[in-house]
Every structure is written in structure tokens, then in C-alpha cells.
Amino acid sequence: MTASPNPFRGFRFPAEVIQHTVWLYYCFSLSLRDVEVILAARGIVVSYETIREWGLRFGRLFANELKRRRPGPGDKRHMDEVFVRIRGKQHYLWRAVDQDGNMLDVLVQSRRSAKAAKRFFRKLLKGLEYIPRVIVTDKLKSCAAAKRDILPGVEHRQSRYLNNRAEVSHQPTRRRGQQTQRFKSVRHAQRFLSTHSRIHSHFQLRRHYLTAAAYRSVRGAAFRAWRDVTAVAHAV
């Protein structure tokens, strides 16, 4: 069997440094220059531009692998949209999570019309193995219209209060939007937010629902999965 190519080959820094840098950048509300200072404190001299390149190249690679390995989602979908500024213009970030808060998908669009809602519904269903039992949204009419056309047999609950889980999931994105000083293009926003949402949510372990021992166990499993995904053991 042919071995998979080493994604870290040809880089001056070892794989452990690169994957740790990507982890810092996407898991915490840190700017590129913040990460540069943290690495410098450890004796690792690397420019923020290099950190940006690592984030673009390896962040998406790691996020896609996390998506491939994710467990099956629950049967309830919470969907919501929030506006984001891209070059001074208002756009909308559509997001879906399951009842456990696991991030399913995101999509940046210029509108929140029925056409935009249908596009997000199709994107979401494309990556899932089965149709959900329940869809929960706010009272946006576009979502109701899209649901009637694409998922006519699925129960639809519309309430601004039932959809708190999806609305809360936007908070890390809002914080990152401030750190990145807004996005430069729709493509840049989609690429960054899809990567950030996947990696960040992998380490969001809902600690308030777990005992200390259970939290340490789940956290350890998350880090083991991360090390496996980043292929550090195979790159040394």
C-alpha cells in the first residue's frame, strides 16, 4: 500500500510547531501577531505572515479531516443566520448545529432570501447521511419557504427562543470578526469561517454539563483526535 504524502515535507519548522500554531490561531481569539508573540516567548521566531500561510494551508486540511471523522449528528437541526461585514457591505453567515451543539456547516451569502435559504439547505443535506427529524429556526420566512420545497415532510419549529443553540454558536465568530478587522472578500470569509468553526467546535466540550473527571476524559480524547488528524506522529 502506498503511503500518503507527508503534508509537512519541505517546511523549515517541524510538524509539532506548525500544528500547535494552527491550533492557537483557530481555537482562541488571537490575532496573527498575538500568536507570533506567544511563539516568540517559547523561542520560536516566525513572522505573522508565515502564520497566516500555515493557517490557510493546514487549517483547511485539518478541518476537512475533522469533518470526515466527525460522529453522526443528532436528528435535530438548529439553523440561524447572522450578518457579517465584508469590505463594508453587509452579508449573512448561515450556520447549522445539531441539538448537542455540534457544528454541521456554514455558508456566507449576500442575502437571506428564500433562494439563499434553499442554497444553504442543499449544502447542509449534501454532507449528511440522512434527513433530520426536526428543523428549528427563527421566524424568518425564507427558511419556511425553503423548508417547504426541500424538506416538506420534516417537522419545522419556528421560535426565537427555541433557536438559542444556533444563536449562541455565532459568538466565537463575532469575536474572531473583531480580531481579523473584518473580512476582505466572501471567499476569504467562507474559507476562514468554515475552518475556524470546525476546529474551534472540536474543542468546545460543553464543560458545564460534565463532571471534572468526565471533562478531562473528553478533553483528552479531543486532543488525541487532533494529534491523529494533524498527522504529527507520521511526520516526524
C-alpha atoms as a PDB file:
ATOM      1  CA  MET A   1       0.000   0.000   0.000  1.00  0.00           C
ATOM      2  CA  THR A   2       1.381   3.411  -0.944  1.00  0.00           C
ATOM      3  CA  ALA A   3       1.988   5.747   1.996  1.00  0.00           C
ATOM      4  CA  SER A   4       0.115   9.057   1.962  1.00  0.00           C
ATOM      5  CA  PRO A   5       2.311  12.097   1.221  1.00  0.00           C
ATOM      6  CA  ASN A   6       3.676  13.995   4.191  1.00  0.00           C
ATOM      7  CA  PRO A   7       1.969  17.435   4.224  1.00  0.00           C
ATOM      8  CA  PHE A   8       4.808  18.910   6.322  1.00  0.00           C
ATOM      9  CA  ARG A   9       7.566  17.917   3.932  1.00  0.00           C
ATOM     10  CA  GLY A  10       9.758  20.803   2.811  1.00  0.00           C
ATOM     11  CA  PHE A  11       8.908  23.109   5.709  1.00  0.00           C
ATOM     12  CA  ARG A  12      11.712  24.511   7.859  1.00  0.00           C
ATOM     13  CA  PHE A  13       9.780  24.129  11.099  1.00  0.00           C
ATOM     14  CA  PRO A  14       8.802  20.709  12.486  1.00  0.00           C
ATOM     15  CA  ALA A  15       5.235  19.454  12.276  1.00  0.00           C
ATOM     16  CA  GLU A  16       4.633  19.937  16.011  1.00  0.00           C
ATOM     17  CA  VAL A  17       5.290  23.683  15.723  1.00  0.00           C
ATOM     18  CA  ILE A  18       3.012  24.088  12.709  1.00  0.00           C
ATOM     19  CA  GLN A  19       0.076  22.165  14.136  1.00  0.00           C
ATOM     20  CA  HIS A  20       0.409  23.946  17.502  1.00  0.00           C
ATOM     21  CA  THR A  21       0.406  27.306  15.723  1.00  0.00           C
ATOM     22  CA  VAL A  22      -2.723  26.437  13.756  1.00  0.00           C
ATOM     23  CA  TRP A  23      -4.380  25.234  16.965  1.00  0.00           C
ATOM     24  CA  LEU A  24      -3.619  28.505  18.756  1.00  0.00           C
ATOM     25  CA  TYR A  25      -4.902  30.638  15.894  1.00  0.00           C
ATOM     26  CA  TYR A  26      -8.203  28.844  15.346  1.00  0.00           C
ATOM     27  CA  CYS A  27      -9.072  27.803  18.900  1.00  0.00           C
ATOM     28  CA  PHE A  28      -8.606  31.160  20.623  1.00  0.00           C
ATOM     29  CA  SER A  29      -9.484  34.767  19.858  1.00  0.00           C
ATOM     30  CA  LEU A  30      -5.904  35.631  18.917  1.00  0.00           C
ATOM     31  CA  SER A  31      -4.647  37.761  16.062  1.00  0.00           C
ATOM     32  CA  LEU A  32      -1.759  36.645  13.876  1.00  0.00           C
ATOM     33  CA  ARG A  33       0.551  38.980  15.771  1.00  0.00           C
ATOM     34  CA  ASP A  34      -0.667  37.600  19.113  1.00  0.00           C
ATOM     35  CA  VAL A  35       0.308  34.096  18.011  1.00  0.00           C
ATOM     36  CA  GLU A  36       3.655  35.428  16.795  1.00  0.00           C
ATOM     37  CA  VAL A  37       4.401  36.825  20.282  1.00  0.00           C
ATOM     38  CA  ILE A  38       3.319  33.604  22.037  1.00  0.00           C
ATOM     39  CA  LEU A  39       5.661  31.571  19.826  1.00  0.00           C
ATOM     40  CA  ALA A  40       8.481  34.067  20.355  1.00  0.00           C
ATOM     41  CA  ALA A  41       8.130  33.600  24.117  1.00  0.00           C
ATOM     42  CA  ARG A  42       8.950  29.939  23.502  1.00  0.00           C
ATOM     43  CA  GLY A  43      11.971  30.779  21.399  1.00  0.00           C
ATOM     44  CA  ILE A  44      10.237  30.129  18.060  1.00  0.00           C
ATOM     45  CA  VAL A  45      10.868  33.067  15.746  1.00  0.00           C
ATOM     46  CA  VAL A  46       8.315  33.102  12.943  1.00  0.00           C
ATOM     47  CA  SER A  47       6.579  36.031  11.249  1.00  0.00           C
ATOM     48  CA  TYR A  48       2.843  36.620  11.360  1.00  0.00           C
ATOM     49  CA  GLU A  49       2.735  36.280   7.565  1.00  0.00           C
ATOM     50  CA  THR A  50       4.110  32.753   7.847  1.00  0.00           C
ATOM     51  CA  ILE A  51       1.473  32.034  10.481  1.00  0.00           C
ATOM     52  CA  ARG A  52      -1.171  33.279   8.048  1.00  0.00           C
ATOM     53  CA  GLU A  53       0.129  30.922   5.353  1.00  0.00           C
ATOM     54  CA  TRP A  54       0.153  27.984   7.761  1.00  0.00           C
ATOM     55  CA  GLY A  55      -3.414  28.787   8.795  1.00  0.00           C
ATOM     56  CA  LEU A  56      -4.619  28.874   5.196  1.00  0.00           C
ATOM     57  CA  ARG A  57      -2.762  25.763   4.073  1.00  0.00           C
ATOM     58  CA  PHE A  58      -3.035  23.456   7.075  1.00  0.00           C
ATOM     59  CA  GLY A  59      -6.148  24.838   8.768  1.00  0.00           C
ATOM     60  CA  ARG A  60      -8.395  23.765   5.950  1.00  0.00           C
ATOM     61  CA  LEU A  61      -6.623  20.403   5.695  1.00  0.00           C
ATOM     62  CA  PHE A  62      -7.156  19.706   9.404  1.00  0.00           C
ATOM     63  CA  ALA A  63     -10.757  20.989   9.343  1.00  0.00           C
ATOM     64  CA  ASN A  64     -11.682  18.748   6.416  1.00  0.00           C
ATOM     65  CA  GLU A  65     -10.239  15.726   8.190  1.00  0.00           C
ATOM     66  CA  LEU A  66     -12.152  16.586  11.368  1.00  0.00           C
ATOM     67  CA  LYS A  67     -15.327  16.839   9.301  1.00  0.00           C
ATOM     68  CA  ARG A  68     -14.675  13.441   7.737  1.00  0.00           C
ATOM     69  CA  ARG A  69     -14.168  11.823  11.126  1.00  0.00           C
ATOM     70  CA  ARG A  70     -16.977  13.527  12.999  1.00  0.00           C
ATOM     71  CA  PRO A  71     -19.550  11.250  14.671  1.00  0.00           C
ATOM     72  CA  GLY A  72     -23.050  11.083  13.268  1.00  0.00           C
ATOM     73  CA  PRO A  73     -25.011  14.234  14.160  1.00  0.00           C
ATOM     74  CA  GLY A  74     -28.260  14.241  16.101  1.00  0.00           C
ATOM     75  CA  ASP A  75     -31.640  14.191  14.397  1.00  0.00           C
ATOM     76  CA  LYS A  76     -32.467  17.831  15.150  1.00  0.00           C
ATOM     77  CA  ARG A  77     -31.035  20.779  13.186  1.00  0.00           C
ATOM     78  CA  HIS A  78     -30.845  24.299  14.598  1.00  0.00           C
ATOM     79  CA  MET A  79     -30.302  26.865  11.844  1.00  0.00           C
ATOM     80  CA  ASP A  80     -29.678  30.585  12.081  1.00  0.00           C
ATOM     81  CA  GLU A  81     -28.091  33.472  10.175  1.00  0.00           C
ATOM     82  CA  VAL A  82     -26.113  36.471  11.407  1.00  0.00           C
ATOM     83  CA  PHE A  83     -24.789  39.420   9.452  1.00  0.00           C
ATOM     84  CA  VAL A  84     -21.075  39.937   8.837  1.00  0.00           C
ATOM     85  CA  ARG A  85     -19.266  42.872   7.249  1.00  0.00           C
ATOM     86  CA  ILE A  86     -17.196  42.176   4.152  1.00  0.00           C
ATOM     87  CA  ARG A  87     -15.443  45.215   2.705  1.00  0.00           C
ATOM     88  CA  GLY A  88     -18.019  47.423   4.369  1.00  0.00           C
ATOM     89  CA  LYS A  89     -21.014  45.599   2.904  1.00  0.00           C
ATOM     90  CA  GLN A  90     -23.487  43.514   4.873  1.00  0.00           C
ATOM     91  CA  HIS A  91     -23.519  39.769   4.199  1.00  0.00           C
ATOM     92  CA  TYR A  92     -25.030  36.849   6.071  1.00  0.00           C
ATOM     93  CA  LEU A  93     -23.389  33.860   7.688  1.00  0.00           C
ATOM     94  CA  TRP A  94     -25.735  30.869   7.725  1.00  0.00           C
ATOM     95  CA  ARG A  95     -24.946  28.222  10.324  1.00  0.00           C
ATOM     96  CA  ALA A  96     -26.414  24.865  11.374  1.00  0.00           C
ATOM     97  CA  VAL A  97     -25.780  22.880  14.561  1.00  0.00           C
ATOM     98  CA  ASP A  98     -27.415  19.773  15.992  1.00  0.00           C
ATOM     99  CA  GLN A  99     -29.136  19.512  19.380  1.00  0.00           C
ATOM    100  CA  ASP A 100     -25.795  18.831  21.084  1.00  0.00           C
ATOM    101  CA  GLY A 101     -24.244  21.999  19.693  1.00  0.00           C
ATOM    102  CA  ASN A 102     -22.035  20.188  17.164  1.00  0.00           C
ATOM    103  CA  MET A 103     -21.313  22.412  14.182  1.00  0.00           C
ATOM    104  CA  LEU A 104     -22.626  20.946  10.917  1.00  0.00           C
ATOM    105  CA  ASP A 105     -21.974  23.565   8.247  1.00  0.00           C
ATOM    106  CA  VAL A 106     -21.630  27.286   7.489  1.00  0.00           C
ATOM    107  CA  LEU A 107     -22.214  29.338   4.347  1.00  0.00           C
ATOM    108  CA  VAL A 108     -21.577  33.038   3.638  1.00  0.00           C
ATOM    109  CA  GLN A 109     -24.107  34.677   1.300  1.00  0.00           C
ATOM    110  CA  SER A 110     -25.028  38.200   0.289  1.00  0.00           C
ATOM    111  CA  ARG A 111     -28.746  37.740   1.039  1.00  0.00           C
ATOM    112  CA  ARG A 112     -31.113  35.918   3.330  1.00  0.00           C
ATOM    113  CA  SER A 113     -33.838  35.366   0.774  1.00  0.00           C
ATOM    114  CA  ALA A 114     -35.644  32.104   0.053  1.00  0.00           C
ATOM    115  CA  LYS A 115     -33.102  31.376  -2.696  1.00  0.00           C
ATOM    116  CA  ALA A 116     -30.237  31.818  -0.227  1.00  0.00           C
ATOM    117  CA  ALA A 117     -32.010  29.619   2.338  1.00  0.00           C
ATOM    118  CA  LYS A 118     -32.508  26.862  -0.256  1.00  0.00           C
ATOM    119  CA  ARG A 119     -28.833  27.020  -1.196  1.00  0.00           C
ATOM    120  CA  PHE A 120     -27.854  26.521   2.438  1.00  0.00           C
ATOM    121  CA  PHE A 121     -30.371  23.689   2.916  1.00  0.00           C
ATOM    122  CA  ARG A 122     -28.910  21.844  -0.074  1.00  0.00           C
ATOM    123  CA  LYS A 123     -25.334  22.395   1.089  1.00  0.00           C
ATOM    124  CA  LEU A 124     -26.209  21.085   4.534  1.00  0.00           C
ATOM    125  CA  LEU A 125     -28.014  17.998   3.269  1.00  0.00           C
ATOM    126  CA  LYS A 126     -25.198  17.188   0.844  1.00  0.00           C
ATOM    127  CA  GLY A 127     -22.801  16.479   3.701  1.00  0.00           C
ATOM    128  CA  LEU A 128     -25.237  14.475   5.853  1.00  0.00           C
ATOM    129  CA  GLU A 129     -26.215  10.843   5.553  1.00  0.00           C
ATOM    130  CA  TYR A 130     -29.885  11.160   6.464  1.00  0.00           C
ATOM    131  CA  ILE A 131     -32.724  13.654   6.639  1.00  0.00           C
ATOM    132  CA  PRO A 132     -33.243  15.274  10.075  1.00  0.00           C
ATOM    133  CA  ARG A 133     -36.349  14.657  12.164  1.00  0.00           C
ATOM    134  CA  VAL A 134     -36.826  18.284  13.225  1.00  0.00           C
ATOM    135  CA  ILE A 135     -35.585  21.642  11.962  1.00  0.00           C
ATOM    136  CA  VAL A 136     -35.549  24.604  14.347  1.00  0.00           C
ATOM    137  CA  THR A 137     -35.225  28.165  13.030  1.00  0.00           C
ATOM    138  CA  ASP A 138     -36.269  31.653  13.967  1.00  0.00           C
ATOM    139  CA  LYS A 139     -39.318  33.201  12.289  1.00  0.00           C
ATOM    140  CA  LEU A 140     -37.507  34.163   9.080  1.00  0.00           C
ATOM    141  CA  LYS A 141     -39.962  33.476   6.253  1.00  0.00           C
ATOM    142  CA  SER A 142     -37.167  32.494   3.874  1.00  0.00           C
ATOM    143  CA  CYS A 143     -36.374  29.413   5.966  1.00  0.00           C
ATOM    144  CA  ALA A 144     -40.029  28.361   5.995  1.00  0.00           C
ATOM    145  CA  ALA A 145     -40.248  28.679   2.212  1.00  0.00           C
ATOM    146  CA  ALA A 146     -37.032  26.712   1.670  1.00  0.00           C
ATOM    147  CA  LYS A 147     -38.103  24.003   4.082  1.00  0.00           C
ATOM    148  CA  ARG A 148     -41.467  23.553   2.315  1.00  0.00           C
ATOM    149  CA  ASP A 149     -39.732  22.997  -1.026  1.00  0.00           C
ATOM    150  CA  ILE A 150     -36.766  20.870   0.038  1.00  0.00           C
ATOM    151  CA  LEU A 151     -37.899  19.052   3.206  1.00  0.00           C
ATOM    152  CA  PRO A 152     -41.713  19.017   3.061  1.00  0.00           C
ATOM    153  CA  GLY A 153     -42.113  16.045   5.388  1.00  0.00           C
ATOM    154  CA  VAL A 154     -39.837  17.276   8.179  1.00  0.00           C
ATOM    155  CA  GLU A 155     -41.227  18.954  11.290  1.00  0.00           C
ATOM    156  CA  HIS A 156     -40.379  22.663  11.408  1.00  0.00           C
ATOM    157  CA  ARG A 157     -40.356  24.592  14.679  1.00  0.00           C
ATOM    158  CA  GLN A 158     -40.076  28.366  14.397  1.00  0.00           C
ATOM    159  CA  SER A 159     -39.301  30.368  17.509  1.00  0.00           C
ATOM    160  CA  ARG A 160     -36.732  32.962  18.519  1.00  0.00           C
ATOM    161  CA  TYR A 161     -36.399  31.217  21.884  1.00  0.00           C
ATOM    162  CA  LEU A 162     -36.104  27.599  20.731  1.00  0.00           C
ATOM    163  CA  ASN A 163     -33.190  28.535  18.484  1.00  0.00           C
ATOM    164  CA  ASN A 164     -30.826  29.802  21.182  1.00  0.00           C
ATOM    165  CA  ARG A 165     -28.405  26.945  20.492  1.00  0.00           C
ATOM    166  CA  ALA A 166     -27.717  28.169  16.961  1.00  0.00           C
ATOM    167  CA  GLU A 167     -27.567  31.810  18.032  1.00  0.00           C
ATOM    168  CA  VAL A 168     -25.030  31.045  20.772  1.00  0.00           C
ATOM    169  CA  SER A 169     -22.858  29.204  18.246  1.00  0.00           C
ATOM    170  CA  HIS A 170     -22.284  32.537  16.460  1.00  0.00           C
ATOM    171  CA  GLN A 171     -20.447  34.065  19.438  1.00  0.00           C
ATOM    172  CA  PRO A 172     -16.941  32.751  18.597  1.00  0.00           C
ATOM    173  CA  THR A 173     -17.395  34.032  15.048  1.00  0.00           C
ATOM    174  CA  ARG A 174     -18.276  37.518  16.277  1.00  0.00           C
ATOM    175  CA  ARG A 175     -15.150  37.599  18.429  1.00  0.00           C
ATOM    176  CA  ARG A 176     -12.966  36.460  15.547  1.00  0.00           C
ATOM    177  CA  GLY A 177     -14.500  39.032  13.239  1.00  0.00           C
ATOM    178  CA  GLN A 178     -13.193  41.736  15.555  1.00  0.00           C
ATOM    179  CA  GLN A 179      -9.721  40.212  15.641  1.00  0.00           C
ATOM    180  CA  THR A 180      -9.472  39.888  11.869  1.00  0.00           C
ATOM    181  CA  GLN A 181     -10.671  43.502  11.416  1.00  0.00           C
ATOM    182  CA  ARG A 182     -13.446  42.337   9.087  1.00  0.00           C
ATOM    183  CA  PHE A 183     -13.083  40.129   6.054  1.00  0.00           C
ATOM    184  CA  LYS A 184     -11.633  41.167   2.707  1.00  0.00           C
ATOM    185  CA  SER A 185     -13.881  39.068   0.434  1.00  0.00           C
ATOM    186  CA  VAL A 186     -16.682  36.498   0.502  1.00  0.00           C
ATOM    187  CA  ARG A 187     -14.182  33.788  -0.456  1.00  0.00           C
ATOM    188  CA  HIS A 188     -11.869  34.790   2.390  1.00  0.00           C
ATOM    189  CA  ALA A 189     -14.761  34.847   4.883  1.00  0.00           C
ATOM    190  CA  GLN A 190     -16.102  31.450   3.763  1.00  0.00           C
ATOM    191  CA  ARG A 191     -12.693  29.817   3.894  1.00  0.00           C
ATOM    192  CA  PHE A 192     -11.744  31.227   7.276  1.00  0.00           C
ATOM    193  CA  LEU A 193     -15.109  30.725   8.991  1.00  0.00           C
ATOM    194  CA  SER A 194     -15.589  27.153   7.786  1.00  0.00           C
ATOM    195  CA  THR A 195     -12.109  26.251   9.054  1.00  0.00           C
ATOM    196  CA  HIS A 196     -12.474  28.175  12.310  1.00  0.00           C
ATOM    197  CA  SER A 197     -15.911  26.729  13.066  1.00  0.00           C
ATOM    198  CA  ARG A 198     -14.743  23.174  12.523  1.00  0.00           C
ATOM    199  CA  ILE A 199     -11.548  23.386  14.610  1.00  0.00           C
ATOM    200  CA  HIS A 200     -12.968  25.602  17.348  1.00  0.00           C
ATOM    201  CA  SER A 201     -16.068  23.459  17.840  1.00  0.00           C
ATOM    202  CA  HIS A 202     -13.892  20.336  18.128  1.00  0.00           C
ATOM    203  CA  PHE A 203     -12.573  21.688  21.439  1.00  0.00           C
ATOM    204  CA  GLN A 204     -15.874  23.150  22.675  1.00  0.00           C
ATOM    205  CA  LEU A 205     -16.738  20.371  25.099  1.00  0.00           C
ATOM    206  CA  ARG A 206     -19.743  21.843  26.958  1.00  0.00           C
ATOM    207  CA  ARG A 207     -17.908  21.708  30.254  1.00  0.00           C
ATOM    208  CA  HIS A 208     -20.918  22.901  32.263  1.00  0.00           C
ATOM    209  CA  TYR A 209     -22.649  19.571  31.510  1.00  0.00           C
ATOM    210  CA  LEU A 210     -19.720  17.380  32.623  1.00  0.00           C
ATOM    211  CA  THR A 211     -18.094  16.411  35.888  1.00  0.00           C
ATOM    212  CA  ALA A 212     -14.414  17.295  36.283  1.00  0.00           C
ATOM    213  CA  ALA A 213     -13.340  13.705  35.616  1.00  0.00           C
ATOM    214  CA  ALA A 214     -15.597  13.362  32.578  1.00  0.00           C
ATOM    215  CA  TYR A 215     -14.375  16.681  31.198  1.00  0.00           C
ATOM    216  CA  ARG A 216     -10.719  15.642  31.491  1.00  0.00           C
ATOM    217  CA  SER A 217     -11.516  12.378  29.737  1.00  0.00           C
ATOM    218  CA  VAL A 218     -13.385  14.068  26.873  1.00  0.00           C
ATOM    219  CA  ARG A 219     -10.696  16.728  26.576  1.00  0.00           C
ATOM    220  CA  GLY A 220      -8.019  14.036  26.347  1.00  0.00           C
ATOM    221  CA  ALA A 221      -9.968  12.296  23.589  1.00  0.00           C
ATOM    222  CA  ALA A 222     -10.259  15.601  21.696  1.00  0.00           C
ATOM    223  CA  PHE A 223      -6.508  16.148  21.838  1.00  0.00           C
ATOM    224  CA  ARG A 224      -5.789  12.585  20.756  1.00  0.00           C
ATOM    225  CA  ALA A 225      -8.082  13.035  17.772  1.00  0.00           C
ATOM    226  CA  TRP A 226      -6.392  16.338  16.972  1.00  0.00           C
ATOM    227  CA  ARG A 227      -2.918  14.771  17.058  1.00  0.00           C
ATOM    228  CA  ASP A 228      -4.151  11.983  14.813  1.00  0.00           C
ATOM    229  CA  VAL A 229      -5.740  14.429  12.375  1.00  0.00           C
ATOM    230  CA  THR A 230      -2.673  16.637  12.160  1.00  0.00           C
ATOM    231  CA  ALA A 231      -0.585  13.539  11.444  1.00  0.00           C
ATOM    232  CA  VAL A 232       2.220  14.651  13.732  1.00  0.00           C
ATOM    233  CA  ALA A 233       3.150  11.095  14.590  1.00  0.00           C
ATOM    234  CA  HIS A 234       3.620  10.275  10.901  1.00  0.00           C
ATOM    235  CA  ALA A 235       5.537  13.435  10.039  1.00  0.00           C
ATOM    236  CA  VAL A 236       8.433  13.132  12.444  1.00  0.00           C
END
